[in-house]
Amino acid sequence: MADGDLRVTPAPHPRAGVTLAAGPGIRSVIAGDVSVTEAVARGVVRVLDGDPALLDRFAQTFHLSTDLAPPPADAMEPAPSPVDATT
């Protein structure tokens, strides 16, 4: 972040076990409402590189309680394509 601008660019770590693309639907995966297998099949999460089996570990590591808030209305939309974004 510099001067109030945040620049996000794809920059895979050279030793990343898995690189993924996901939209708001990732919340349903880490909340346990949708299995990783279903999320991948529906395009909610896309594996860009690496071992897809690590998505289960990711979902367990970043688990969120479903009691905190309802999922967003667009939670099951397909994951966006990776792009540069500046906000």
N, C-alpha and C. Protein backbone atom coordinates (compact mmCIF):
# COMPACT_ATOMS: atom_id res chain seq x y z
N MET A 1 0.86 -1.16 0.00
CA MET A 1 0.00 0.00 0.00
C MET A 1 0.90 1.22 0.00
N ALA A 2 0.63 2.13 -0.91
CA ALA A 2 1.41 3.36 -1.00
C ALA A 2 0.48 4.51 -1.34
N ASP A 3 0.54 5.56 -0.58
CA ASP A 3 -0.29 6.74 -0.81
C ASP A 3 -1.77 6.41 -0.92
N GLY A 4 -2.24 5.46 -0.11
CA GLY A 4 -3.65 5.10 -0.10
C GLY A 4 -4.08 4.18 -1.23
N ASP A 5 -3.15 3.77 -2.07
CA ASP A 5 -3.47 2.85 -3.17
C ASP A 5 -2.98 1.45 -2.83
N LEU A 6 -3.81 0.48 -3.13
CA LEU A 6 -3.46 -0.91 -2.94
C LEU A 6 -3.39 -1.56 -4.30
N ARG A 7 -2.26 -2.15 -4.62
CA ARG A 7 -2.09 -2.83 -5.91
C ARG A 7 -1.95 -4.32 -5.65
N VAL A 8 -2.81 -5.08 -6.29
CA VAL A 8 -2.81 -6.53 -6.14
C VAL A 8 -2.47 -7.14 -7.48
N THR A 9 -1.47 -7.97 -7.51
CA THR A 9 -1.08 -8.65 -8.75
C THR A 9 -0.82 -10.11 -8.45
N PRO A 10 -1.07 -10.96 -9.42
CA PRO A 10 -0.75 -12.37 -9.22
C PRO A 10 0.76 -12.52 -9.07
N ALA A 11 1.17 -13.15 -8.01
CA ALA A 11 2.59 -13.37 -7.78
C ALA A 11 2.75 -14.65 -6.99
N PRO A 12 2.63 -15.79 -7.66
CA PRO A 12 2.73 -17.05 -6.93
C PRO A 12 4.07 -17.20 -6.23
N HIS A 13 4.00 -17.71 -5.04
CA HIS A 13 5.21 -18.00 -4.29
C HIS A 13 5.88 -19.21 -4.94
N PRO A 14 7.18 -19.17 -5.11
CA PRO A 14 7.85 -20.28 -5.81
C PRO A 14 7.70 -21.64 -5.12
N ARG A 15 7.38 -21.65 -3.83
CA ARG A 15 7.23 -22.91 -3.12
C ARG A 15 5.79 -23.14 -2.67
N ALA A 16 4.83 -22.46 -3.26
CA ALA A 16 3.43 -22.63 -2.87
C ALA A 16 2.98 -24.05 -3.19
N GLY A 17 2.27 -24.66 -2.25
CA GLY A 17 1.75 -26.00 -2.48
C GLY A 17 0.57 -25.99 -3.42
N VAL A 18 -0.22 -24.91 -3.36
CA VAL A 18 -1.36 -24.75 -4.25
C VAL A 18 -1.62 -23.26 -4.43
N THR A 19 -1.98 -22.88 -5.64
CA THR A 19 -2.36 -21.50 -5.94
C THR A 19 -3.78 -21.58 -6.46
N LEU A 20 -4.65 -20.72 -5.92
CA LEU A 20 -6.06 -20.81 -6.28
C LEU A 20 -6.64 -19.44 -6.61
N ALA A 21 -7.79 -19.48 -7.27
CA ALA A 21 -8.59 -18.27 -7.52
C ALA A 21 -9.96 -18.54 -6.93
N ALA A 22 -10.48 -17.55 -6.23
CA ALA A 22 -11.79 -17.72 -5.59
C ALA A 22 -12.47 -16.37 -5.45
N GLY A 23 -13.76 -16.41 -5.43
CA GLY A 23 -14.56 -15.22 -5.19
C GLY A 23 -15.18 -15.31 -3.81
N PRO A 24 -16.30 -14.63 -3.59
CA PRO A 24 -16.95 -14.64 -2.28
C PRO A 24 -17.36 -16.05 -1.81
N GLY A 25 -17.51 -16.97 -2.75
CA GLY A 25 -17.91 -18.32 -2.40
C GLY A 25 -16.91 -19.07 -1.56
N ILE A 26 -15.68 -18.57 -1.47
CA ILE A 26 -14.67 -19.23 -0.64
C ILE A 26 -15.15 -19.29 0.81
N ARG A 27 -15.99 -18.34 1.19
CA ARG A 27 -16.53 -18.34 2.56
C ARG A 27 -17.33 -19.60 2.83
N SER A 28 -18.12 -20.03 1.85
CA SER A 28 -18.91 -21.25 2.02
C SER A 28 -18.03 -22.48 2.18
N VAL A 29 -16.88 -22.45 1.54
CA VAL A 29 -15.94 -23.58 1.65
C VAL A 29 -15.31 -23.59 3.03
N ILE A 30 -14.80 -22.45 3.49
CA ILE A 30 -14.12 -22.43 4.78
C ILE A 30 -15.10 -22.49 5.95
N ALA A 31 -16.38 -22.24 5.68
CA ALA A 31 -17.40 -22.41 6.71
C ALA A 31 -17.86 -23.86 6.78
N GLY A 32 -17.48 -24.66 5.78
CA GLY A 32 -17.89 -26.06 5.78
C GLY A 32 -19.26 -26.29 5.18
N ASP A 33 -19.88 -25.26 4.60
CA ASP A 33 -21.20 -25.39 3.99
C ASP A 33 -21.12 -26.12 2.65
N VAL A 34 -19.99 -26.01 1.98
CA VAL A 34 -19.77 -26.62 0.66
C VAL A 34 -18.44 -27.35 0.72
N SER A 35 -18.41 -28.56 0.23
CA SER A 35 -17.15 -29.31 0.22
C SER A 35 -16.21 -28.72 -0.83
N VAL A 36 -14.95 -28.96 -0.64
CA VAL A 36 -13.95 -28.51 -1.60
C VAL A 36 -14.24 -29.13 -2.97
N THR A 37 -14.58 -30.40 -2.98
CA THR A 37 -14.88 -31.09 -4.24
C THR A 37 -16.03 -30.42 -4.98
N GLU A 38 -17.10 -30.10 -4.26
CA GLU A 38 -18.25 -29.42 -4.88
C GLU A 38 -17.88 -28.02 -5.35
N ALA A 39 -17.13 -27.30 -4.54
CA ALA A 39 -16.73 -25.94 -4.91
C ALA A 39 -15.89 -25.93 -6.18
N VAL A 40 -14.98 -26.89 -6.31
CA VAL A 40 -14.16 -26.98 -7.52
C VAL A 40 -15.03 -27.36 -8.71
N ALA A 41 -15.91 -28.33 -8.51
CA ALA A 41 -16.79 -28.78 -9.60
C ALA A 41 -17.69 -27.66 -10.10
N ARG A 42 -18.13 -26.79 -9.21
CA ARG A 42 -19.03 -25.68 -9.57
C ARG A 42 -18.29 -24.43 -10.01
N GLY A 43 -16.96 -24.45 -9.93
CA GLY A 43 -16.17 -23.30 -10.35
C GLY A 43 -16.07 -22.20 -9.31
N VAL A 44 -16.48 -22.48 -8.08
CA VAL A 44 -16.40 -21.50 -7.01
C VAL A 44 -14.94 -21.26 -6.62
N VAL A 45 -14.15 -22.31 -6.67
CA VAL A 45 -12.71 -22.25 -6.42
C VAL A 45 -12.03 -22.91 -7.61
N ARG A 46 -10.99 -22.26 -8.12
CA ARG A 46 -10.22 -22.84 -9.23
C ARG A 46 -8.78 -23.03 -8.80
N VAL A 47 -8.25 -24.21 -9.05
CA VAL A 47 -6.84 -24.47 -8.77
C VAL A 47 -6.05 -23.99 -9.97
N LEU A 48 -5.18 -23.02 -9.74
CA LEU A 48 -4.35 -22.48 -10.81
C LEU A 48 -3.06 -23.25 -10.96
N ASP A 49 -2.56 -23.77 -9.83
CA ASP A 49 -1.29 -24.49 -9.85
C ASP A 49 -1.17 -25.27 -8.55
N GLY A 50 -0.49 -26.37 -8.61
CA GLY A 50 -0.19 -27.13 -7.40
C GLY A 50 -1.14 -28.27 -7.13
N ASP A 51 -1.12 -28.72 -5.89
CA ASP A 51 -1.84 -29.91 -5.45
C ASP A 51 -3.25 -29.57 -4.98
N PRO A 52 -4.29 -29.94 -5.73
CA PRO A 52 -5.66 -29.64 -5.33
C PRO A 52 -6.05 -30.24 -3.98
N ALA A 53 -5.39 -31.31 -3.57
CA ALA A 53 -5.70 -31.92 -2.28
C ALA A 53 -5.43 -30.97 -1.11
N LEU A 54 -4.58 -29.97 -1.33
CA LEU A 54 -4.27 -29.01 -0.26
C LEU A 54 -5.42 -28.04 0.01
N LEU A 55 -6.42 -28.01 -0.86
CA LEU A 55 -7.58 -27.14 -0.60
C LEU A 55 -8.32 -27.56 0.66
N ASP A 56 -8.40 -28.85 0.93
CA ASP A 56 -9.03 -29.31 2.17
C ASP A 56 -8.28 -28.77 3.39
N ARG A 57 -6.97 -28.82 3.33
CA ARG A 57 -6.15 -28.30 4.43
C ARG A 57 -6.37 -26.80 4.58
N PHE A 58 -6.43 -26.09 3.45
CA PHE A 58 -6.70 -24.66 3.48
C PHE A 58 -8.04 -24.38 4.17
N ALA A 59 -9.07 -25.13 3.78
CA ALA A 59 -10.41 -24.92 4.35
C ALA A 59 -10.42 -25.19 5.85
N GLN A 60 -9.70 -26.19 6.29
CA GLN A 60 -9.62 -26.50 7.72
C GLN A 60 -8.83 -25.44 8.48
N THR A 61 -7.74 -24.99 7.89
CA THR A 61 -6.89 -24.00 8.55
C THR A 61 -7.61 -22.67 8.75
N PHE A 62 -8.39 -22.25 7.75
CA PHE A 62 -9.06 -20.95 7.81
C PHE A 62 -10.55 -21.08 8.08
N HIS A 63 -10.94 -22.15 8.76
CA HIS A 63 -12.35 -22.41 9.06
C HIS A 63 -13.01 -21.22 9.76
N LEU A 64 -14.21 -20.89 9.29
CA LEU A 64 -15.03 -19.84 9.90
C LEU A 64 -16.31 -20.46 10.41
N SER A 65 -16.79 -19.97 11.52
CA SER A 65 -18.06 -20.44 12.05
C SER A 65 -19.21 -19.87 11.22
N THR A 66 -20.19 -20.68 10.90
CA THR A 66 -21.35 -20.19 10.15
C THR A 66 -22.27 -19.36 11.04
N ASP A 67 -22.02 -19.35 12.34
CA ASP A 67 -22.85 -18.57 13.26
C ASP A 67 -22.55 -17.08 13.20
N LEU A 68 -21.42 -16.71 12.61
CA LEU A 68 -21.00 -15.31 12.62
C LEU A 68 -21.83 -14.43 11.70
N ALA A 69 -22.09 -14.88 10.50
CA ALA A 69 -22.83 -14.07 9.54
C ALA A 69 -23.30 -14.97 8.41
N PRO A 70 -24.42 -14.61 7.79
CA PRO A 70 -24.87 -15.42 6.65
C PRO A 70 -23.94 -15.22 5.47
N PRO A 71 -23.86 -16.21 4.57
CA PRO A 71 -23.01 -16.05 3.39
C PRO A 71 -23.56 -14.95 2.48
N PRO A 72 -22.70 -14.29 1.73
CA PRO A 72 -23.17 -13.27 0.80
C PRO A 72 -24.07 -13.89 -0.27
N ALA A 73 -24.95 -13.09 -0.84
CA ALA A 73 -25.90 -13.57 -1.84
C ALA A 73 -25.19 -14.18 -3.05
N ASP A 74 -24.02 -13.69 -3.38
CA ASP A 74 -23.30 -14.18 -4.55
C ASP A 74 -22.25 -15.23 -4.18
N ALA A 75 -22.44 -15.90 -3.07
CA ALA A 75 -21.43 -16.82 -2.55
C ALA A 75 -21.11 -17.98 -3.47
N MET A 76 -22.04 -18.41 -4.28
CA MET A 76 -21.78 -19.57 -5.12
C MET A 76 -21.49 -19.20 -6.57
N GLU A 77 -21.17 -17.94 -6.83
CA GLU A 77 -20.78 -17.54 -8.18
C GLU A 77 -19.40 -18.10 -8.48
N PRO A 78 -19.13 -18.40 -9.75
CA PRO A 78 -17.79 -18.88 -10.11
C PRO A 78 -16.70 -17.89 -9.73
N ALA A 79 -15.53 -18.43 -9.47
CA ALA A 79 -14.38 -17.61 -9.10
C ALA A 79 -13.98 -16.71 -10.24
N PRO A 80 -13.55 -15.50 -9.95
CA PRO A 80 -13.10 -14.60 -11.03
C PRO A 80 -11.77 -15.07 -11.60
N SER A 81 -11.50 -14.63 -12.80
CA SER A 81 -10.20 -14.90 -13.40
C SER A 81 -9.15 -14.05 -12.71
N PRO A 82 -7.96 -14.56 -12.52
CA PRO A 82 -6.92 -13.74 -11.88
C PRO A 82 -6.53 -12.59 -12.80
N VAL A 83 -6.55 -11.38 -12.24
CA VAL A 83 -6.21 -10.17 -12.98
C VAL A 83 -5.49 -9.20 -12.06
N ASP A 84 -4.86 -8.21 -12.64
CA ASP A 84 -4.32 -7.10 -11.84
C ASP A 84 -5.49 -6.24 -11.40
N ALA A 85 -5.44 -5.76 -10.17
CA ALA A 85 -6.50 -4.89 -9.68
C ALA A 85 -5.87 -3.76 -8.89
N THR A 86 -6.33 -2.58 -9.10
CA THR A 86 -5.86 -1.43 -8.36
C THR A 86 -7.06 -0.74 -7.75
N THR A 87 -7.01 -0.56 -6.42
CA THR A 87 -8.10 0.13 -5.75
C THR A 87 -7.55 1.20 -4.86
